[in-house]
Amino acid sequence: MVALELARRRVKESHQVKILKYTVDFVLPDEKVVLEIDVKLFHGKDKHEYQQRRDKAILKDLGSDWDVIRISTDHINKNVAQLMTAIKTIKRKRKFLKEDYGGKIPKWYSETAV
């Protein structure tokens, strides 16, 4: 569904891209976004900590102007047409946070409520 929506919106993307030792779901180079589609099944403290370390390593490799954005399959299934709006909204929120917190996202921030 995600690949079809990105194609429908004519968003340049690469699927199942290897970055360092990780394989990511999508890279959107024009948006400077690594897009991960997360299945709710894999939640938990250990998984969350692993994702944080993984995302930090990926961003260190790509640069601070990139974002790793995780969107749940629940959100995709509810309204895939809002995918690009959600990505742009998350990027905008993070940009403002980075401006307010010295170029970094504060540890308390989570977009899971988005």
PDB file of N, CA and C in Angstrom:
ATOM      1  N   MET A   1       0.820  -1.197   0.000  1.00  0.00           N
ATOM      2  CA  MET A   1       0.000   0.000   0.000  1.00  0.00           C
ATOM      3  C   MET A   1       0.863   1.260   0.000  1.00  0.00           C
ATOM      4  N   VAL A   2       1.927   1.251   0.789  1.00  0.00           N
ATOM      5  CA  VAL A   2       2.795   2.424   0.887  1.00  0.00           C
ATOM      6  C   VAL A   2       3.476   2.690  -0.450  1.00  0.00           C
ATOM      7  N   ALA A   3       4.028   1.650  -1.057  1.00  0.00           N
ATOM      8  CA  ALA A   3       4.710   1.815  -2.347  1.00  0.00           C
ATOM      9  C   ALA A   3       3.742   2.349  -3.398  1.00  0.00           C
ATOM     10  N   LEU A   4       2.523   1.856  -3.400  1.00  0.00           N
ATOM     11  CA  LEU A   4       1.528   2.336  -4.363  1.00  0.00           C
ATOM     12  C   LEU A   4       1.170   3.797  -4.122  1.00  0.00           C
ATOM     13  N   GLU A   5       1.028   4.170  -2.863  1.00  0.00           N
ATOM     14  CA  GLU A   5       0.702   5.565  -2.535  1.00  0.00           C
ATOM     15  C   GLU A   5       1.838   6.498  -2.924  1.00  0.00           C
ATOM     16  N   LEU A   6       3.073   6.090  -2.654  1.00  0.00           N
ATOM     17  CA  LEU A   6       4.219   6.917  -3.039  1.00  0.00           C
ATOM     18  C   LEU A   6       4.282   7.065  -4.558  1.00  0.00           C
ATOM     19  N   ALA A   7       4.031   5.994  -5.285  1.00  0.00           N
ATOM     20  CA  ALA A   7       4.029   6.056  -6.753  1.00  0.00           C
ATOM     21  C   ALA A   7       2.897   6.949  -7.250  1.00  0.00           C
ATOM     22  N   ARG A   8       1.735   6.818  -6.623  1.00  0.00           N
ATOM     23  CA  ARG A   8       0.580   7.644  -7.015  1.00  0.00           C
ATOM     24  C   ARG A   8       0.886   9.134  -6.832  1.00  0.00           C
ATOM     25  N   ARG A   9       1.628   9.443  -5.783  1.00  0.00           N
ATOM     26  CA  ARG A   9       2.003  10.842  -5.497  1.00  0.00           C
ATOM     27  C   ARG A   9       3.282  11.262  -6.224  1.00  0.00           C
ATOM     28  N   ARG A  10       3.837  10.350  -7.001  1.00  0.00           N
ATOM     29  CA  ARG A  10       5.080  10.589  -7.748  1.00  0.00           C
ATOM     30  C   ARG A  10       6.240  10.991  -6.836  1.00  0.00           C
ATOM     31  N   VAL A  11       6.312  10.313  -5.701  1.00  0.00           N
ATOM     32  CA  VAL A  11       7.397  10.539  -4.748  1.00  0.00           C
ATOM     33  C   VAL A  11       8.535   9.606  -5.128  1.00  0.00           C
ATOM     34  N   LYS A  12       9.701  10.180  -5.323  1.00  0.00           N
ATOM     35  CA  LYS A  12      10.882   9.379  -5.622  1.00  0.00           C
ATOM     36  C   LYS A  12      11.220   8.554  -4.383  1.00  0.00           C
ATOM     37  N   GLU A  13      11.378   7.230  -4.575  1.00  0.00           N
ATOM     38  CA  GLU A  13      11.653   6.360  -3.438  1.00  0.00           C
ATOM     39  C   GLU A  13      12.466   5.150  -3.858  1.00  0.00           C
ATOM     40  N   SER A  14      13.150   4.586  -2.884  1.00  0.00           N
ATOM     41  CA  SER A  14      13.821   3.304  -3.036  1.00  0.00           C
ATOM     42  C   SER A  14      13.326   2.420  -1.910  1.00  0.00           C
ATOM     43  N   HIS A  15      13.094   1.151  -2.230  1.00  0.00           N
ATOM     44  CA  HIS A  15      12.502   0.211  -1.283  1.00  0.00           C
ATOM     45  C   HIS A  15      13.549  -0.804  -0.839  1.00  0.00           C
ATOM     46  N   GLN A  16      13.518  -1.166   0.446  1.00  0.00           N
ATOM     47  CA  GLN A  16      14.429  -2.161   1.024  1.00  0.00           C
ATOM     48  C   GLN A  16      15.892  -1.797   0.746  1.00  0.00           C
ATOM     49  N   VAL A  17      16.288  -0.657   1.289  1.00  0.00           N
ATOM     50  CA  VAL A  17      17.618  -0.096   1.069  1.00  0.00           C
ATOM     51  C   VAL A  17      18.532  -0.475   2.232  1.00  0.00           C
ATOM     52  N   LYS A  18      19.742  -0.866   1.897  1.00  0.00           N
ATOM     53  CA  LYS A  18      20.748  -1.202   2.907  1.00  0.00           C
ATOM     54  C   LYS A  18      21.485   0.083   3.302  1.00  0.00           C
ATOM     55  N   ILE A  19      21.453   0.398   4.605  1.00  0.00           N
ATOM     56  CA  ILE A  19      22.205   1.519   5.168  1.00  0.00           C
ATOM     57  C   ILE A  19      22.986   0.949   6.335  1.00  0.00           C
ATOM     58  N   LEU A  20      24.298   1.048   6.225  1.00  0.00           N
ATOM     59  CA  LEU A  20      25.182   0.392   7.192  1.00  0.00           C
ATOM     60  C   LEU A  20      24.833  -1.095   7.205  1.00  0.00           C
ATOM     61  N   LYS A  21      24.554  -1.643   8.380  1.00  0.00           N
ATOM     62  CA  LYS A  21      24.198  -3.064   8.450  1.00  0.00           C
ATOM     63  C   LYS A  21      22.685  -3.286   8.501  1.00  0.00           C
ATOM     64  N   TYR A  22      21.927  -2.234   8.288  1.00  0.00           N
ATOM     65  CA  TYR A  22      20.468  -2.293   8.406  1.00  0.00           C
ATOM     66  C   TYR A  22      19.798  -2.218   7.033  1.00  0.00           C
ATOM     67  N   THR A  23      18.626  -2.806   6.931  1.00  0.00           N
ATOM     68  CA  THR A  23      17.799  -2.651   5.744  1.00  0.00           C
ATOM     69  C   THR A  23      16.565  -1.867   6.166  1.00  0.00           C
ATOM     70  N   VAL A  24      16.329  -0.749   5.478  1.00  0.00           N
ATOM     71  CA  VAL A  24      15.186   0.108   5.802  1.00  0.00           C
ATOM     72  C   VAL A  24      14.086  -0.102   4.777  1.00  0.00           C
ATOM     73  N   ASP A  25      12.852   0.190   5.177  1.00  0.00           N
ATOM     74  CA  ASP A  25      11.713  -0.031   4.293  1.00  0.00           C
ATOM     75  C   ASP A  25      11.771   0.856   3.054  1.00  0.00           C
ATOM     76  N   PHE A  26      11.892   2.178   3.268  1.00  0.00           N
ATOM     77  CA  PHE A  26      11.902   3.125   2.153  1.00  0.00           C
ATOM     78  C   PHE A  26      12.892   4.247   2.424  1.00  0.00           C
ATOM     79  N   VAL A  27      13.511   4.734   1.376  1.00  0.00           N
ATOM     80  CA  VAL A  27      14.283   5.969   1.423  1.00  0.00           C
ATOM     81  C   VAL A  27      13.617   6.924   0.440  1.00  0.00           C
ATOM     82  N   LEU A  28      13.274   8.105   0.942  1.00  0.00           N
ATOM     83  CA  LEU A  28      12.676   9.160   0.119  1.00  0.00           C
ATOM     84  C   LEU A  28      13.724  10.261   0.000  1.00  0.00           C
ATOM     85  N   PRO A  29      14.583  10.197  -1.022  1.00  0.00           N
ATOM     86  CA  PRO A  29      15.735  11.120  -1.076  1.00  0.00           C
ATOM     87  C   PRO A  29      15.354  12.586  -1.199  1.00  0.00           C
ATOM     88  N   ASP A  30      14.309  12.899  -1.929  1.00  0.00           N
ATOM     89  CA  ASP A  30      13.915  14.306  -2.078  1.00  0.00           C
ATOM     90  C   ASP A  30      13.377  14.886  -0.768  1.00  0.00           C
ATOM     91  N   GLU A  31      12.806  14.027   0.062  1.00  0.00           N
ATOM     92  CA  GLU A  31      12.281  14.458   1.368  1.00  0.00           C
ATOM     93  C   GLU A  31      13.336  14.329   2.468  1.00  0.00           C
ATOM     94  N   LYS A  32      14.436  13.631   2.158  1.00  0.00           N
ATOM     95  CA  LYS A  32      15.467  13.304   3.141  1.00  0.00           C
ATOM     96  C   LYS A  32      14.850  12.556   4.326  1.00  0.00           C
ATOM     97  N   VAL A  33      14.124  11.486   3.963  1.00  0.00           N
ATOM     98  CA  VAL A  33      13.407  10.688   4.951  1.00  0.00           C
ATOM     99  C   VAL A  33      13.703   9.209   4.732  1.00  0.00           C
ATOM    100  N   VAL A  34      13.993   8.537   5.831  1.00  0.00           N
ATOM    101  CA  VAL A  34      13.974   7.082   5.871  1.00  0.00           C
ATOM    102  C   VAL A  34      12.624   6.732   6.489  1.00  0.00           C
ATOM    103  N   LEU A  35      11.809   6.020   5.735  1.00  0.00           N
ATOM    104  CA  LEU A  35      10.447   5.699   6.177  1.00  0.00           C
ATOM    105  C   LEU A  35      10.381   4.237   6.579  1.00  0.00           C
ATOM    106  N   GLU A  36      10.002   4.019   7.826  1.00  0.00           N
ATOM    107  CA  GLU A  36       9.836   2.668   8.342  1.00  0.00           C
ATOM    108  C   GLU A  36       8.359   2.443   8.656  1.00  0.00           C
ATOM    109  N   ILE A  37       7.835   1.337   8.177  1.00  0.00           N
ATOM    110  CA  ILE A  37       6.449   0.971   8.457  1.00  0.00           C
ATOM    111  C   ILE A  37       6.508  -0.100   9.542  1.00  0.00           C
ATOM    112  N   ASP A  38       5.967   0.231  10.702  1.00  0.00           N
ATOM    113  CA  ASP A  38       6.070  -0.639  11.871  1.00  0.00           C
ATOM    114  C   ASP A  38       4.782  -1.397  12.125  1.00  0.00           C
ATOM    115  N   VAL A  39       4.939  -2.697  12.323  1.00  0.00           N
ATOM    116  CA  VAL A  39       3.827  -3.552  12.701  1.00  0.00           C
ATOM    117  C   VAL A  39       3.684  -3.462  14.213  1.00  0.00           C
ATOM    118  N   LYS A  40       2.472  -3.287  14.684  1.00  0.00           N
ATOM    119  CA  LYS A  40       2.221  -3.129  16.114  1.00  0.00           C
ATOM    120  C   LYS A  40       2.717  -4.328  16.920  1.00  0.00           C
ATOM    121  N   LEU A  41       2.761  -5.464  16.309  1.00  0.00           N
ATOM    122  CA  LEU A  41       3.175  -6.697  16.959  1.00  0.00           C
ATOM    123  C   LEU A  41       4.544  -6.596  17.612  1.00  0.00           C
ATOM    124  N   PHE A  42       5.428  -5.757  17.066  1.00  0.00           N
ATOM    125  CA  PHE A  42       6.806  -5.714  17.525  1.00  0.00           C
ATOM    126  C   PHE A  42       7.093  -4.593  18.519  1.00  0.00           C
ATOM    127  N   HIS A  43       6.158  -4.227  19.329  1.00  0.00           N
ATOM    128  CA  HIS A  43       6.391  -3.184  20.318  1.00  0.00           C
ATOM    129  C   HIS A  43       6.946  -3.798  21.596  1.00  0.00           C
ATOM    130  N   GLY A  44       7.553  -2.984  22.400  1.00  0.00           N
ATOM    131  CA  GLY A  44       8.130  -3.431  23.663  1.00  0.00           C
ATOM    132  C   GLY A  44       9.400  -2.647  23.927  1.00  0.00           C
ATOM    133  N   LYS A  45       9.839  -2.677  25.172  1.00  0.00           N
ATOM    134  CA  LYS A  45      10.985  -1.871  25.573  1.00  0.00           C
ATOM    135  C   LYS A  45      12.249  -2.248  24.792  1.00  0.00           C
ATOM    136  N   ASP A  46      12.543  -3.544  24.685  1.00  0.00           N
ATOM    137  CA  ASP A  46      13.749  -3.974  23.971  1.00  0.00           C
ATOM    138  C   ASP A  46      13.701  -3.552  22.508  1.00  0.00           C
ATOM    139  N   LYS A  47      12.569  -3.724  21.872  1.00  0.00           N
ATOM    140  CA  LYS A  47      12.429  -3.340  20.463  1.00  0.00           C
ATOM    141  C   LYS A  47      12.584  -1.834  20.305  1.00  0.00           C
ATOM    142  N   HIS A  48      12.002  -1.073  21.225  1.00  0.00           N
ATOM    143  CA  HIS A  48      12.083   0.381  21.168  1.00  0.00           C
ATOM    144  C   HIS A  48      13.540   0.848  21.312  1.00  0.00           C
ATOM    145  N   GLU A  49      14.261   0.261  22.247  1.00  0.00           N
ATOM    146  CA  GLU A  49      15.663   0.641  22.444  1.00  0.00           C
ATOM    147  C   GLU A  49      16.502   0.278  21.218  1.00  0.00           C
ATOM    148  N   TYR A  50      16.236  -0.887  20.635  1.00  0.00           N
ATOM    149  CA  TYR A  50      16.946  -1.294  19.424  1.00  0.00           C
ATOM    150  C   TYR A  50      16.665  -0.304  18.291  1.00  0.00           C
ATOM    151  N   GLN A  51      15.399   0.081  18.127  1.00  0.00           N
ATOM    152  CA  GLN A  51      15.032   1.034  17.071  1.00  0.00           C
ATOM    153  C   GLN A  51      15.722   2.371  17.279  1.00  0.00           C
ATOM    154  N   GLN A  52      15.809   2.828  18.520  1.00  0.00           N
ATOM    155  CA  GLN A  52      16.482   4.097  18.799  1.00  0.00           C
ATOM    156  C   GLN A  52      17.953   4.036  18.418  1.00  0.00           C
ATOM    157  N   ARG A  53      18.640   2.957  18.803  1.00  0.00           N
ATOM    158  CA  ARG A  53      20.059   2.813  18.447  1.00  0.00           C
ATOM    159  C   ARG A  53      20.228   2.734  16.932  1.00  0.00           C
ATOM    160  N   ARG A  54      19.367   1.977  16.291  1.00  0.00           N
ATOM    161  CA  ARG A  54      19.407   1.798  14.837  1.00  0.00           C
ATOM    162  C   ARG A  54      19.183   3.135  14.127  1.00  0.00           C
ATOM    163  N   ASP A  55      18.139   3.853  14.544  1.00  0.00           N
ATOM    164  CA  ASP A  55      17.824   5.138  13.916  1.00  0.00           C
ATOM    165  C   ASP A  55      18.959   6.139  14.109  1.00  0.00           C
ATOM    166  N   LYS A  56      19.553   6.146  15.297  1.00  0.00           N
ATOM    167  CA  LYS A  56      20.662   7.061  15.583  1.00  0.00           C
ATOM    168  C   LYS A  56      21.854   6.757  14.682  1.00  0.00           C
ATOM    169  N   ALA A  57      22.169   5.484  14.489  1.00  0.00           N
ATOM    170  CA  ALA A  57      23.284   5.087  13.613  1.00  0.00           C
ATOM    171  C   ALA A  57      23.000   5.482  12.166  1.00  0.00           C
ATOM    172  N   ILE A  58      21.775   5.271  11.725  1.00  0.00           N
ATOM    173  CA  ILE A  58      21.395   5.620  10.352  1.00  0.00           C
ATOM    174  C   ILE A  58      21.515   7.124  10.140  1.00  0.00           C
ATOM    175  N   LEU A  59      21.009   7.905  11.088  1.00  0.00           N
ATOM    176  CA  LEU A  59      21.082   9.365  10.963  1.00  0.00           C
ATOM    177  C   LEU A  59      22.515   9.868  11.017  1.00  0.00           C
ATOM    178  N   LYS A  60      23.338   9.230  11.821  1.00  0.00           N
ATOM    179  CA  LYS A  60      24.749   9.614  11.872  1.00  0.00           C
ATOM    180  C   LYS A  60      25.392   9.388  10.512  1.00  0.00           C
ATOM    181  N   ASP A  61      25.020   8.305   9.849  1.00  0.00           N
ATOM    182  CA  ASP A  61      25.570   7.988   8.528  1.00  0.00           C
ATOM    183  C   ASP A  61      25.037   8.934   7.449  1.00  0.00           C
ATOM    184  N   LEU A  62      23.741   9.233   7.473  1.00  0.00           N
ATOM    185  CA  LEU A  62      23.126  10.055   6.426  1.00  0.00           C
ATOM    186  C   LEU A  62      23.314  11.549   6.646  1.00  0.00           C
ATOM    187  N   GLY A  63      23.320  11.980   7.899  1.00  0.00           N
ATOM    188  CA  GLY A  63      23.460  13.403   8.198  1.00  0.00           C
ATOM    189  C   GLY A  63      22.274  13.944   8.969  1.00  0.00           C
ATOM    190  N   SER A  64      22.506  15.050   9.655  1.00  0.00           N
ATOM    191  CA  SER A  64      21.495  15.612  10.552  1.00  0.00           C
ATOM    192  C   SER A  64      20.297  16.219   9.829  1.00  0.00           C
ATOM    193  N   ASP A  65      20.397  16.406   8.530  1.00  0.00           N
ATOM    194  CA  ASP A  65      19.267  16.963   7.793  1.00  0.00           C
ATOM    195  C   ASP A  65      18.263  15.881   7.369  1.00  0.00           C
ATOM    196  N   TRP A  66      18.553  14.625   7.714  1.00  0.00           N
ATOM    197  CA  TRP A  66      17.648  13.508   7.425  1.00  0.00           C
ATOM    198  C   TRP A  66      16.802  13.189   8.642  1.00  0.00           C
ATOM    199  N   ASP A  67      15.674  12.511   8.409  1.00  0.00           N
ATOM    200  CA  ASP A  67      14.805  12.024   9.476  1.00  0.00           C
ATOM    201  C   ASP A  67      14.481  10.563   9.238  1.00  0.00           C
ATOM    202  N   VAL A  68      14.390   9.805  10.336  1.00  0.00           N
ATOM    203  CA  VAL A  68      13.808   8.470  10.284  1.00  0.00           C
ATOM    204  C   VAL A  68      12.402   8.622  10.823  1.00  0.00           C
ATOM    205  N   ILE A  69      11.429   8.299  10.001  1.00  0.00           N
ATOM    206  CA  ILE A  69      10.029   8.436  10.393  1.00  0.00           C
ATOM    207  C   ILE A  69       9.402   7.049  10.411  1.00  0.00           C
ATOM    208  N   ARG A  70       8.786   6.735  11.530  1.00  0.00           N
ATOM    209  CA  ARG A  70       8.122   5.444  11.698  1.00  0.00           C
ATOM    210  C   ARG A  70       6.614   5.673  11.726  1.00  0.00           C
ATOM    211  N   ILE A  71       5.928   4.929  10.896  1.00  0.00           N
ATOM    212  CA  ILE A  71       4.466   5.017  10.836  1.00  0.00           C
ATOM    213  C   ILE A  71       3.925   3.605  10.996  1.00  0.00           C
ATOM    214  N   SER A  72       2.938   3.468  11.850  1.00  0.00           N
ATOM    215  CA  SER A  72       2.390   2.132  12.117  1.00  0.00           C
ATOM    216  C   SER A  72       1.498   1.665  10.969  1.00  0.00           C
ATOM    217  N   THR A  73       1.418   0.360  10.846  1.00  0.00           N
ATOM    218  CA  THR A  73       0.523  -0.213   9.833  1.00  0.00           C
ATOM    219  C   THR A  73      -0.923   0.163  10.131  1.00  0.00           C
ATOM    220  N   ASP A  74      -1.252   0.365  11.412  1.00  0.00           N
ATOM    221  CA  ASP A  74      -2.614   0.801  11.752  1.00  0.00           C
ATOM    222  C   ASP A  74      -2.940   2.128  11.075  1.00  0.00           C
ATOM    223  N   HIS A  75      -1.991   3.083  11.126  1.00  0.00           N
ATOM    224  CA  HIS A  75      -2.218   4.379  10.485  1.00  0.00           C
ATOM    225  C   HIS A  75      -2.296   4.231   8.963  1.00  0.00           C
ATOM    226  N   ILE A  76      -1.454   3.392   8.406  1.00  0.00           N
ATOM    227  CA  ILE A  76      -1.476   3.162   6.957  1.00  0.00           C
ATOM    228  C   ILE A  76      -2.808   2.558   6.545  1.00  0.00           C
ATOM    229  N   ASN A  77      -3.248   1.559   7.281  1.00  0.00           N
ATOM    230  CA  ASN A  77      -4.507   0.884   6.944  1.00  0.00           C
ATOM    231  C   ASN A  77      -5.721   1.801   7.086  1.00  0.00           C
ATOM    232  N   LYS A  78      -5.661   2.730   8.028  1.00  0.00           N
ATOM    233  CA  LYS A  78      -6.783   3.645   8.231  1.00  0.00           C
ATOM    234  C   LYS A  78      -6.901   4.662   7.106  1.00  0.00           C
ATOM    235  N   ASN A  79      -5.737   5.201   6.650  1.00  0.00           N
ATOM    236  CA  ASN A  79      -5.825   6.235   5.623  1.00  0.00           C
ATOM    237  C   ASN A  79      -4.469   6.447   4.952  1.00  0.00           C
ATOM    238  N   VAL A  80      -4.123   5.564   4.045  1.00  0.00           N
ATOM    239  CA  VAL A  80      -2.836   5.652   3.359  1.00  0.00           C
ATOM    240  C   VAL A  80      -2.713   6.942   2.551  1.00  0.00           C
ATOM    241  N   ALA A  81      -3.826   7.523   2.158  1.00  0.00           N
ATOM    242  CA  ALA A  81      -3.794   8.768   1.376  1.00  0.00           C
ATOM    243  C   ALA A  81      -3.194   9.930   2.181  1.00  0.00           C
ATOM    244  N   GLN A  82      -3.157   9.801   3.496  1.00  0.00           N
ATOM    245  CA  GLN A  82      -2.592  10.849   4.349  1.00  0.00           C
ATOM    246  C   GLN A  82      -1.102  10.646   4.628  1.00  0.00           C
ATOM    247  N   LEU A  83      -0.477   9.667   3.977  1.00  0.00           N
ATOM    248  CA  LEU A  83       0.921   9.341   4.245  1.00  0.00           C
ATOM    249  C   LEU A  83       1.842  10.543   4.086  1.00  0.00           C
ATOM    250  N   MET A  84       1.811  11.207   2.955  1.00  0.00           N
ATOM    251  CA  MET A  84       2.725  12.334   2.723  1.00  0.00           C
ATOM    252  C   MET A  84       2.410  13.506   3.646  1.00  0.00           C
ATOM    253  N   THR A  85       1.144  13.714   3.956  1.00  0.00           N
ATOM    254  CA  THR A  85       0.775  14.762   4.916  1.00  0.00           C
ATOM    255  C   THR A  85       1.368  14.445   6.284  1.00  0.00           C
ATOM    256  N   ALA A  86       1.296  13.194   6.699  1.00  0.00           N
ATOM    257  CA  ALA A  86       1.857  12.786   7.988  1.00  0.00           C
ATOM    258  C   ALA A  86       3.373  12.979   8.005  1.00  0.00           C
ATOM    259  N   ILE A  87       4.040  12.582   6.933  1.00  0.00           N
ATOM    260  CA  ILE A  87       5.498  12.742   6.854  1.00  0.00           C
ATOM    261  C   ILE A  87       5.880  14.208   6.967  1.00  0.00           C
ATOM    262  N   LYS A  88       5.207  15.056   6.220  1.00  0.00           N
ATOM    263  CA  LYS A  88       5.522  16.491   6.242  1.00  0.00           C
ATOM    264  C   LYS A  88       5.215  17.105   7.617  1.00  0.00           C
ATOM    265  N   THR A  89       4.147  16.662   8.260  1.00  0.00           N
ATOM    266  CA  THR A  89       3.789  17.159   9.586  1.00  0.00           C
ATOM    267  C   THR A  89       4.848  16.773  10.616  1.00  0.00           C
ATOM    268  N   ILE A  90       5.285  15.521  10.582  1.00  0.00           N
ATOM    269  CA  ILE A  90       6.314  15.060  11.515  1.00  0.00           C
ATOM    270  C   ILE A  90       7.610  15.823  11.281  1.00  0.00           C
ATOM    271  N   LYS A  91       8.003  15.988  10.027  1.00  0.00           N
ATOM    272  CA  LYS A  91       9.237  16.734   9.716  1.00  0.00           C
ATOM    273  C   LYS A  91       9.155  18.168  10.236  1.00  0.00           C
ATOM    274  N   ARG A  92       8.007  18.805  10.046  1.00  0.00           N
ATOM    275  CA  ARG A  92       7.830  20.191  10.502  1.00  0.00           C
ATOM    276  C   ARG A  92       7.931  20.277  12.031  1.00  0.00           C
ATOM    277  N   LYS A  93       7.276  19.357  12.747  1.00  0.00           N
ATOM    278  CA  LYS A  93       7.347  19.348  14.210  1.00  0.00           C
ATOM    279  C   LYS A  93       8.783  19.156  14.678  1.00  0.00           C
ATOM    280  N   ARG A  94       9.482  18.225  14.048  1.00  0.00           N
ATOM    281  CA  ARG A  94      10.869  17.960  14.440  1.00  0.00           C
ATOM    282  C   ARG A  94      11.774  19.154  14.146  1.00  0.00           C
ATOM    283  N   LYS A  95      11.507  19.848  13.050  1.00  0.00           N
ATOM    284  CA  LYS A  95      12.310  21.030  12.713  1.00  0.00           C
ATOM    285  C   LYS A  95      12.182  22.083  13.819  1.00  0.00           C
ATOM    286  N   PHE A  96      10.953  22.330  14.253  1.00  0.00           N
ATOM    287  CA  PHE A  96      10.736  23.310  15.321  1.00  0.00           C
ATOM    288  C   PHE A  96      11.387  22.854  16.628  1.00  0.00           C
ATOM    289  N   LEU A  97      11.282  21.576  16.954  1.00  0.00           N
ATOM    290  CA  LEU A  97      11.915  21.064  18.163  1.00  0.00           C
ATOM    291  C   LEU A  97      13.433  21.223  18.103  1.00  0.00           C
ATOM    292  N   LYS A  98      14.012  20.898  16.950  1.00  0.00           N
ATOM    293  CA  LYS A  98      15.463  21.042  16.796  1.00  0.00           C
ATOM    294  C   LYS A  98      15.885  22.498  16.983  1.00  0.00           C
ATOM    295  N   GLU A  99      15.082  23.426  16.466  1.00  0.00           N
ATOM    296  CA  GLU A  99      15.398  24.843  16.629  1.00  0.00           C
ATOM    297  C   GLU A  99      15.344  25.251  18.098  1.00  0.00           C
ATOM    298  N   ASP A 100      14.398  24.685  18.834  1.00  0.00           N
ATOM    299  CA  ASP A 100      14.236  25.033  20.243  1.00  0.00           C
ATOM    300  C   ASP A 100      15.219  24.315  21.171  1.00  0.00           C
ATOM    301  N   TYR A 101      15.777  23.192  20.726  1.00  0.00           N
ATOM    302  CA  TYR A 101      16.620  22.369  21.595  1.00  0.00           C
ATOM    303  C   TYR A 101      18.030  22.189  21.032  1.00  0.00           C
ATOM    304  N   GLY A 102      18.573  23.240  20.476  1.00  0.00           N
ATOM    305  CA  GLY A 102      19.966  23.233  20.069  1.00  0.00           C
ATOM    306  C   GLY A 102      20.322  22.235  18.986  1.00  0.00           C
ATOM    307  N   GLY A 103      19.412  22.024  18.065  1.00  0.00           N
ATOM    308  CA  GLY A 103      19.696  21.153  16.931  1.00  0.00           C
ATOM    309  C   GLY A 103      19.404  19.684  17.157  1.00  0.00           C
ATOM    310  N   LYS A 104      18.891  19.329  18.335  1.00  0.00           N
ATOM    311  CA  LYS A 104      18.593  17.931  18.629  1.00  0.00           C
ATOM    312  C   LYS A 104      17.150  17.758  19.050  1.00  0.00           C
ATOM    313  N   ILE A 105      16.641  16.560  18.782  1.00  0.00           N
ATOM    314  CA  ILE A 105      15.289  16.210  19.237  1.00  0.00           C
ATOM    315  C   ILE A 105      15.394  15.824  20.714  1.00  0.00           C
ATOM    316  N   PRO A 106      14.568  16.424  21.589  1.00  0.00           N
ATOM    317  CA  PRO A 106      14.631  16.051  23.005  1.00  0.00           C
ATOM    318  C   PRO A 106      14.227  14.591  23.221  1.00  0.00           C
ATOM    319  N   LYS A 107      14.803  13.965  24.226  1.00  0.00           N
ATOM    320  CA  LYS A 107      14.530  12.550  24.493  1.00  0.00           C
ATOM    321  C   LYS A 107      13.066  12.279  24.810  1.00  0.00           C
ATOM    322  N   TRP A 108      12.359  13.257  25.355  1.00  0.00           N
ATOM    323  CA  TRP A 108      10.969  13.041  25.735  1.00  0.00           C
ATOM    324  C   TRP A 108      10.039  12.984  24.527  1.00  0.00           C
ATOM    325  N   TYR A 109      10.508  13.433  23.363  1.00  0.00           N
ATOM    326  CA  TYR A 109       9.654  13.531  22.187  1.00  0.00           C
ATOM    327  C   TYR A 109       9.384  12.151  21.576  1.00  0.00           C
ATOM    328  N   SER A 110       8.149  11.935  21.218  1.00  0.00           N
ATOM    329  CA  SER A 110       7.758  10.738  20.474  1.00  0.00           C
ATOM    330  C   SER A 110       6.608  11.104  19.574  1.00  0.00           C
ATOM    331  N   GLU A 111       6.672  10.666  18.314  1.00  0.00           N
ATOM    332  CA  GLU A 111       5.581  10.966  17.402  1.00  0.00           C
ATOM    333  C   GLU A 111       4.541   9.859  17.378  1.00  0.00           C
ATOM    334  N   THR A 112       4.588   8.936  18.324  1.00  0.00           N
ATOM    335  CA  THR A 112       3.639   7.831  18.299  1.00  0.00           C
ATOM    336  C   THR A 112       2.202   8.292  18.431  1.00  0.00           C
ATOM    337  N   ALA A 113       1.992   9.460  19.002  1.00  0.00           N
ATOM    338  CA  ALA A 113       0.630   9.972  19.141  1.00  0.00           C
ATOM    339  C   ALA A 113       0.137  10.640  17.869  1.00  0.00           C
ATOM    340  N   VAL A 114       1.018  10.818  16.886  1.00  0.00           N
ATOM    341  CA  VAL A 114       0.646  11.510  15.644  1.00  0.00           C
ATOM    342  C   VAL A 114      -0.287  10.654  14.835  1.00  0.00           C
TER     343      VAL A 114
END
